[in-house]
Amino acid sequence: MRLAYRFAIASDKITADGVEVTGFPDLARRYRISSVPKTIVGEAADFVGAQPEAALLEYVQSVAAAEPPASS
């Protein structure tokens, strides 16, 4: 979570939210969360487990490069 928040602070193109899945079971089902930490990038890309900063940044950048830009 800390890395996601740091990325969000550093870029206005990134947002980060932390959710306690026991309090929000509908979200846990929606995103198929069975273990934590689970990082979701966009609506389709995700991974489970803690990642070093360089790996998380590379993953976010690769997902962003594959997605069309958001319309304003």
PDB file of N, CA and C in Angstrom:
ATOM      1  N   MET A   1       0.811  -1.191   0.000  1.00  0.00           N
ATOM      2  CA  MET A   1       0.000   0.000   0.000  1.00  0.00           C
ATOM      3  C   MET A   1       0.858   1.261   0.000  1.00  0.00           C
ATOM      4  N   ARG A   2       1.910   1.237   0.762  1.00  0.00           N
ATOM      5  CA  ARG A   2       2.726   2.457   0.835  1.00  0.00           C
ATOM      6  C   ARG A   2       3.270   2.862  -0.522  1.00  0.00           C
ATOM      7  N   LEU A   3       3.734   1.868  -1.298  1.00  0.00           N
ATOM      8  CA  LEU A   3       4.261   2.195  -2.623  1.00  0.00           C
ATOM      9  C   LEU A   3       3.173   2.755  -3.520  1.00  0.00           C
ATOM     10  N   ALA A   4       1.998   2.169  -3.492  1.00  0.00           N
ATOM     11  CA  ALA A   4       0.896   2.664  -4.321  1.00  0.00           C
ATOM     12  C   ALA A   4       0.571   4.106  -3.942  1.00  0.00           C
ATOM     13  N   TYR A   5       0.536   4.392  -2.660  1.00  0.00           N
ATOM     14  CA  TYR A   5       0.267   5.764  -2.222  1.00  0.00           C
ATOM     15  C   TYR A   5       1.393   6.706  -2.649  1.00  0.00           C
ATOM     16  N   ARG A   6       2.624   6.259  -2.561  1.00  0.00           N
ATOM     17  CA  ARG A   6       3.745   7.096  -2.999  1.00  0.00           C
ATOM     18  C   ARG A   6       3.652   7.400  -4.483  1.00  0.00           C
ATOM     19  N   PHE A   7       3.290   6.387  -5.278  1.00  0.00           N
ATOM     20  CA  PHE A   7       3.128   6.608  -6.714  1.00  0.00           C
ATOM     21  C   PHE A   7       2.005   7.607  -6.969  1.00  0.00           C
ATOM     22  N   ALA A   8       0.913   7.498  -6.243  1.00  0.00           N
ATOM     23  CA  ALA A   8      -0.225   8.403  -6.419  1.00  0.00           C
ATOM     24  C   ALA A   8       0.137   9.839  -6.041  1.00  0.00           C
ATOM     25  N   ILE A   9       0.958   9.997  -5.024  1.00  0.00           N
ATOM     26  CA  ILE A   9       1.406  11.337  -4.633  1.00  0.00           C
ATOM     27  C   ILE A   9       2.324  11.923  -5.704  1.00  0.00           C
ATOM     28  N   ALA A  10       3.139  11.070  -6.310  1.00  0.00           N
ATOM     29  CA  ALA A  10       4.115  11.531  -7.292  1.00  0.00           C
ATOM     30  C   ALA A  10       3.502  11.843  -8.659  1.00  0.00           C
ATOM     31  N   SER A  11       2.349  11.239  -8.970  1.00  0.00           N
ATOM     32  CA  SER A  11       1.749  11.435 -10.291  1.00  0.00           C
ATOM     33  C   SER A  11       0.254  11.676 -10.187  1.00  0.00           C
ATOM     34  N   ASP A  12      -0.206  12.692 -10.893  1.00  0.00           N
ATOM     35  CA  ASP A  12      -1.643  12.950 -10.893  1.00  0.00           C
ATOM     36  C   ASP A  12      -2.403  11.969 -11.780  1.00  0.00           C
ATOM     37  N   LYS A  13      -1.701  11.076 -12.453  1.00  0.00           N
ATOM     38  CA  LYS A  13      -2.330  10.057 -13.296  1.00  0.00           C
ATOM     39  C   LYS A  13      -2.579   8.751 -12.540  1.00  0.00           C
ATOM     40  N   ILE A  14      -2.165   8.706 -11.280  1.00  0.00           N
ATOM     41  CA  ILE A  14      -2.301   7.492 -10.474  1.00  0.00           C
ATOM     42  C   ILE A  14      -3.144   7.795  -9.249  1.00  0.00           C
ATOM     43  N   THR A  15      -4.057   6.902  -8.955  1.00  0.00           N
ATOM     44  CA  THR A  15      -4.808   6.978  -7.702  1.00  0.00           C
ATOM     45  C   THR A  15      -4.596   5.681  -6.955  1.00  0.00           C
ATOM     46  N   ALA A  16      -4.695   5.740  -5.659  1.00  0.00           N
ATOM     47  CA  ALA A  16      -4.499   4.549  -4.838  1.00  0.00           C
ATOM     48  C   ALA A  16      -5.554   4.522  -3.743  1.00  0.00           C
ATOM     49  N   ASP A  17      -6.100   3.369  -3.520  1.00  0.00           N
ATOM     50  CA  ASP A  17      -7.061   3.161  -2.447  1.00  0.00           C
ATOM     51  C   ASP A  17      -6.721   1.866  -1.731  1.00  0.00           C
ATOM     52  N   GLY A  18      -6.911   1.862  -0.437  1.00  0.00           N
ATOM     53  CA  GLY A  18      -6.757   0.647   0.351  1.00  0.00           C
ATOM     54  C   GLY A  18      -8.123   0.254   0.883  1.00  0.00           C
ATOM     55  N   VAL A  19      -8.434  -1.014   0.811  1.00  0.00           N
ATOM     56  CA  VAL A  19      -9.749  -1.481   1.237  1.00  0.00           C
ATOM     57  C   VAL A  19      -9.581  -2.654   2.194  1.00  0.00           C
ATOM     58  N   GLU A  20     -10.256  -2.589   3.312  1.00  0.00           N
ATOM     59  CA  GLU A  20     -10.314  -3.712   4.252  1.00  0.00           C
ATOM     60  C   GLU A  20     -11.413  -4.630   3.745  1.00  0.00           C
ATOM     61  N   VAL A  21     -11.004  -5.753   3.128  1.00  0.00           N
ATOM     62  CA  VAL A  21     -11.976  -6.598   2.435  1.00  0.00           C
ATOM     63  C   VAL A  21     -12.992  -7.251   3.366  1.00  0.00           C
ATOM     64  N   THR A  22     -12.649  -7.439   4.632  1.00  0.00           N
ATOM     65  CA  THR A  22     -13.644  -8.025   5.532  1.00  0.00           C
ATOM     66  C   THR A  22     -14.805  -7.071   5.747  1.00  0.00           C
ATOM     67  N   GLY A  23     -14.575  -5.792   5.604  1.00  0.00           N
ATOM     68  CA  GLY A  23     -15.630  -4.798   5.749  1.00  0.00           C
ATOM     69  C   GLY A  23     -16.375  -4.522   4.454  1.00  0.00           C
ATOM     70  N   PHE A  24     -15.807  -4.961   3.338  1.00  0.00           N
ATOM     71  CA  PHE A  24     -16.407  -4.714   2.024  1.00  0.00           C
ATOM     72  C   PHE A  24     -16.392  -6.003   1.192  1.00  0.00           C
ATOM     73  N   PRO A  25     -17.169  -6.996   1.595  1.00  0.00           N
ATOM     74  CA  PRO A  25     -17.141  -8.288   0.892  1.00  0.00           C
ATOM     75  C   PRO A  25     -17.554  -8.193  -0.571  1.00  0.00           C
ATOM     76  N   ASP A  26     -18.406  -7.239  -0.932  1.00  0.00           N
ATOM     77  CA  ASP A  26     -18.799  -7.089  -2.335  1.00  0.00           C
ATOM     78  C   ASP A  26     -17.603  -6.712  -3.206  1.00  0.00           C
ATOM     79  N   LEU A  27     -16.757  -5.815  -2.692  1.00  0.00           N
ATOM     80  CA  LEU A  27     -15.540  -5.463  -3.435  1.00  0.00           C
ATOM     81  C   LEU A  27     -14.588  -6.645  -3.526  1.00  0.00           C
ATOM     82  N   ALA A  28     -14.474  -7.409  -2.454  1.00  0.00           N
ATOM     83  CA  ALA A  28     -13.601  -8.586  -2.472  1.00  0.00           C
ATOM     84  C   ALA A  28     -14.060  -9.565  -3.550  1.00  0.00           C
ATOM     85  N   ARG A  29     -15.356  -9.761  -3.669  1.00  0.00           N
ATOM     86  CA  ARG A  29     -15.883 -10.652  -4.709  1.00  0.00           C
ATOM     87  C   ARG A  29     -15.670 -10.052  -6.091  1.00  0.00           C
ATOM     88  N   ARG A  30     -15.956  -8.769  -6.231  1.00  0.00           N
ATOM     89  CA  ARG A  30     -15.821  -8.109  -7.534  1.00  0.00           C
ATOM     90  C   ARG A  30     -14.411  -8.253  -8.097  1.00  0.00           C
ATOM     91  N   TYR A  31     -13.421  -8.089  -7.229  1.00  0.00           N
ATOM     92  CA  TYR A  31     -12.025  -8.150  -7.672  1.00  0.00           C
ATOM     93  C   TYR A  31     -11.360  -9.492  -7.384  1.00  0.00           C
ATOM     94  N   ARG A  32     -12.173 -10.474  -6.994  1.00  0.00           N
ATOM     95  CA  ARG A  32     -11.681 -11.844  -6.750  1.00  0.00           C
ATOM     96  C   ARG A  32     -10.471 -11.860  -5.813  1.00  0.00           C
ATOM     97  N   ILE A  33     -10.620 -11.216  -4.672  1.00  0.00           N
ATOM     98  CA  ILE A  33      -9.538 -11.157  -3.692  1.00  0.00           C
ATOM     99  C   ILE A  33      -9.655 -12.360  -2.765  1.00  0.00           C
ATOM    100  N   SER A  34      -8.646 -13.228  -2.834  1.00  0.00           N
ATOM    101  CA  SER A  34      -8.624 -14.391  -1.957  1.00  0.00           C
ATOM    102  C   SER A  34      -7.430 -14.357  -1.020  1.00  0.00           C
ATOM    103  N   SER A  35      -6.461 -13.495  -1.318  1.00  0.00           N
ATOM    104  CA  SER A  35      -5.325 -13.305  -0.425  1.00  0.00           C
ATOM    105  C   SER A  35      -4.824 -11.871  -0.597  1.00  0.00           C
ATOM    106  N   VAL A  36      -4.106 -11.415   0.392  1.00  0.00           N
ATOM    107  CA  VAL A  36      -3.617 -10.040   0.380  1.00  0.00           C
ATOM    108  C   VAL A  36      -2.126 -10.020   0.647  1.00  0.00           C
ATOM    109  N   PRO A  37      -1.383  -9.037   0.184  1.00  0.00           N
ATOM    110  CA  PRO A  37      -1.883  -7.912  -0.575  1.00  0.00           C
ATOM    111  C   PRO A  37      -2.185  -8.299  -2.022  1.00  0.00           C
ATOM    112  N   LYS A  38      -3.187  -7.677  -2.591  1.00  0.00           N
ATOM    113  CA  LYS A  38      -3.508  -7.824  -4.007  1.00  0.00           C
ATOM    114  C   LYS A  38      -3.540  -6.429  -4.590  1.00  0.00           C
ATOM    115  N   THR A  39      -2.791  -6.226  -5.655  1.00  0.00           N
ATOM    116  CA  THR A  39      -2.714  -4.937  -6.324  1.00  0.00           C
ATOM    117  C   THR A  39      -3.471  -5.037  -7.634  1.00  0.00           C
ATOM    118  N   ILE A  40      -4.353  -4.099  -7.861  1.00  0.00           N
ATOM    119  CA  ILE A  40      -5.138  -4.068  -9.088  1.00  0.00           C
ATOM    120  C   ILE A  40      -4.759  -2.799  -9.837  1.00  0.00           C
ATOM    121  N   VAL A  41      -4.378  -2.968 -11.079  1.00  0.00           N
ATOM    122  CA  VAL A  41      -3.981  -1.840 -11.918  1.00  0.00           C
ATOM    123  C   VAL A  41      -4.996  -1.760 -13.053  1.00  0.00           C
ATOM    124  N   GLY A  42      -5.717  -0.655 -13.094  1.00  0.00           N
ATOM    125  CA  GLY A  42      -6.804  -0.565 -14.060  1.00  0.00           C
ATOM    126  C   GLY A  42      -7.918  -1.500 -13.622  1.00  0.00           C
ATOM    127  N   GLU A  43      -8.672  -1.999 -14.548  1.00  0.00           N
ATOM    128  CA  GLU A  43      -9.749  -2.926 -14.200  1.00  0.00           C
ATOM    129  C   GLU A  43      -9.387  -4.365 -14.520  1.00  0.00           C
ATOM    130  N   ALA A  44      -8.344  -4.591 -15.315  1.00  0.00           N
ATOM    131  CA  ALA A  44      -8.081  -5.950 -15.771  1.00  0.00           C
ATOM    132  C   ALA A  44      -6.778  -6.556 -15.261  1.00  0.00           C
ATOM    133  N   ALA A  45      -5.830  -5.755 -14.872  1.00  0.00           N
ATOM    134  CA  ALA A  45      -4.515  -6.268 -14.491  1.00  0.00           C
ATOM    135  C   ALA A  45      -4.376  -6.312 -12.977  1.00  0.00           C
ATOM    136  N   ASP A  46      -3.838  -7.407 -12.469  1.00  0.00           N
ATOM    137  CA  ASP A  46      -3.624  -7.508 -11.024  1.00  0.00           C
ATOM    138  C   ASP A  46      -2.523  -8.505 -10.708  1.00  0.00           C
ATOM    139  N   PHE A  47      -2.035  -8.443  -9.498  1.00  0.00           N
ATOM    140  CA  PHE A  47      -1.099  -9.446  -9.000  1.00  0.00           C
ATOM    141  C   PHE A  47      -1.218  -9.524  -7.494  1.00  0.00           C
ATOM    142  N   VAL A  48      -0.804 -10.659  -6.970  1.00  0.00           N
ATOM    143  CA  VAL A  48      -0.885 -10.905  -5.533  1.00  0.00           C
ATOM    144  C   VAL A  48       0.523 -10.951  -4.966  1.00  0.00           C
ATOM    145  N   GLY A  49       0.682 -10.369  -3.800  1.00  0.00           N
ATOM    146  CA  GLY A  49       1.966 -10.399  -3.109  1.00  0.00           C
ATOM    147  C   GLY A  49       2.651  -9.057  -3.126  1.00  0.00           C
ATOM    148  N   ALA A  50       3.494  -8.862  -2.143  1.00  0.00           N
ATOM    149  CA  ALA A  50       4.276  -7.628  -2.053  1.00  0.00           C
ATOM    150  C   ALA A  50       5.345  -7.632  -3.134  1.00  0.00           C
ATOM    151  N   GLN A  51       5.589  -6.471  -3.712  1.00  0.00           N
ATOM    152  CA  GLN A  51       6.577  -6.328  -4.773  1.00  0.00           C
ATOM    153  C   GLN A  51       7.565  -5.233  -4.406  1.00  0.00           C
ATOM    154  N   PRO A  52       8.824  -5.373  -4.833  1.00  0.00           N
ATOM    155  CA  PRO A  52       9.757  -4.261  -4.643  1.00  0.00           C
ATOM    156  C   PRO A  52       9.343  -3.085  -5.523  1.00  0.00           C
ATOM    157  N   GLU A  53       9.771  -1.894  -5.163  1.00  0.00           N
ATOM    158  CA  GLU A  53       9.364  -0.681  -5.862  1.00  0.00           C
ATOM    159  C   GLU A  53       9.606  -0.759  -7.364  1.00  0.00           C
ATOM    160  N   ALA A  54      10.786  -1.203  -7.785  1.00  0.00           N
ATOM    161  CA  ALA A  54      11.107  -1.255  -9.216  1.00  0.00           C
ATOM    162  C   ALA A  54      10.153  -2.174  -9.968  1.00  0.00           C
ATOM    163  N   ALA A  55       9.802  -3.315  -9.387  1.00  0.00           N
ATOM    164  CA  ALA A  55       8.901  -4.255 -10.042  1.00  0.00           C
ATOM    165  C   ALA A  55       7.492  -3.683 -10.147  1.00  0.00           C
ATOM    166  N   LEU A  56       7.021  -3.048  -9.090  1.00  0.00           N
ATOM    167  CA  LEU A  56       5.690  -2.447  -9.116  1.00  0.00           C
ATOM    168  C   LEU A  56       5.635  -1.313 -10.142  1.00  0.00           C
ATOM    169  N   LEU A  57       6.641  -0.477 -10.178  1.00  0.00           N
ATOM    170  CA  LEU A  57       6.678   0.621 -11.135  1.00  0.00           C
ATOM    171  C   LEU A  57       6.685   0.085 -12.568  1.00  0.00           C
ATOM    172  N   GLU A  58       7.482  -0.919 -12.831  1.00  0.00           N
ATOM    173  CA  GLU A  58       7.539  -1.512 -14.171  1.00  0.00           C
ATOM    174  C   GLU A  58       6.177  -2.088 -14.568  1.00  0.00           C
ATOM    175  N   TYR A  59       5.508  -2.739 -13.624  1.00  0.00           N
ATOM    176  CA  TYR A  59       4.203  -3.332 -13.887  1.00  0.00           C
ATOM    177  C   TYR A  59       3.177  -2.241 -14.196  1.00  0.00           C
ATOM    178  N   VAL A  60       3.134  -1.196 -13.402  1.00  0.00           N
ATOM    179  CA  VAL A  60       2.197  -0.095 -13.623  1.00  0.00           C
ATOM    180  C   VAL A  60       2.469   0.559 -14.973  1.00  0.00           C
ATOM    181  N   GLN A  61       3.721   0.783 -15.299  1.00  0.00           N
ATOM    182  CA  GLN A  61       4.063   1.409 -16.573  1.00  0.00           C
ATOM    183  C   GLN A  61       3.665   0.526 -17.752  1.00  0.00           C
ATOM    184  N   SER A  62       3.864  -0.783 -17.638  1.00  0.00           N
ATOM    185  CA  SER A  62       3.506  -1.677 -18.745  1.00  0.00           C
ATOM    186  C   SER A  62       2.000  -1.722 -18.948  1.00  0.00           C
ATOM    187  N   VAL A  63       1.236  -1.695 -17.867  1.00  0.00           N
ATOM    188  CA  VAL A  63      -0.223  -1.678 -17.989  1.00  0.00           C
ATOM    189  C   VAL A  63      -0.671  -0.353 -18.595  1.00  0.00           C
ATOM    190  N   ALA A  64      -0.088   0.747 -18.140  1.00  0.00           N
ATOM    191  CA  ALA A  64      -0.462   2.066 -18.655  1.00  0.00           C
ATOM    192  C   ALA A  64      -0.141   2.180 -20.140  1.00  0.00           C
ATOM    193  N   ALA A  65       0.951   1.611 -20.585  1.00  0.00           N
ATOM    194  CA  ALA A  65       1.324   1.677 -21.985  1.00  0.00           C
ATOM    195  C   ALA A  65       0.375   0.859 -22.860  1.00  0.00           C
ATOM    196  N   ALA A  66      -0.219  -0.179 -22.292  1.00  0.00           N
ATOM    197  CA  ALA A  66      -1.118  -1.047 -23.054  1.00  0.00           C
ATOM    198  C   ALA A  66      -2.541  -0.509 -23.113  1.00  0.00           C
ATOM    199  N   GLU A  67      -2.913   0.370 -22.196  1.00  0.00           N
ATOM    200  CA  GLU A  67      -4.271   0.904 -22.147  1.00  0.00           C
ATOM    201  C   GLU A  67      -4.365   2.178 -22.976  1.00  0.00           C
ATOM    202  N   PRO A  68      -5.500   2.359 -23.668  1.00  0.00           N
ATOM    203  CA  PRO A  68      -5.670   3.628 -24.383  1.00  0.00           C
ATOM    204  C   PRO A  68      -5.801   4.769 -23.383  1.00  0.00           C
ATOM    205  N   PRO A  69      -5.375   5.960 -23.744  1.00  0.00           N
ATOM    206  CA  PRO A  69      -5.478   7.086 -22.815  1.00  0.00           C
ATOM    207  C   PRO A  69      -6.934   7.381 -22.468  1.00  0.00           C
ATOM    208  N   ALA A  70      -7.154   7.832 -21.247  1.00  0.00           N
ATOM    209  CA  ALA A  70      -8.509   8.188 -20.801  1.00  0.00           C
ATOM    210  C   ALA A  70      -8.942   9.461 -21.509  1.00  0.00           C
ATOM    211  N   SER A  71     -10.202   9.511 -21.881  1.00  0.00           N
ATOM    212  CA  SER A  71     -10.706  10.725 -22.518  1.00  0.00           C
ATOM    213  C   SER A  71     -11.015  11.771 -21.467  1.00  0.00           C
ATOM    214  N   SER A  72     -10.856  13.032 -21.816  1.00  0.00           N
ATOM    215  CA  SER A  72     -11.108  14.083 -20.847  1.00  0.00           C
ATOM    216  C   SER A  72     -12.482  14.651 -20.995  1.00  0.00           C
TER     217      SER A  72
END
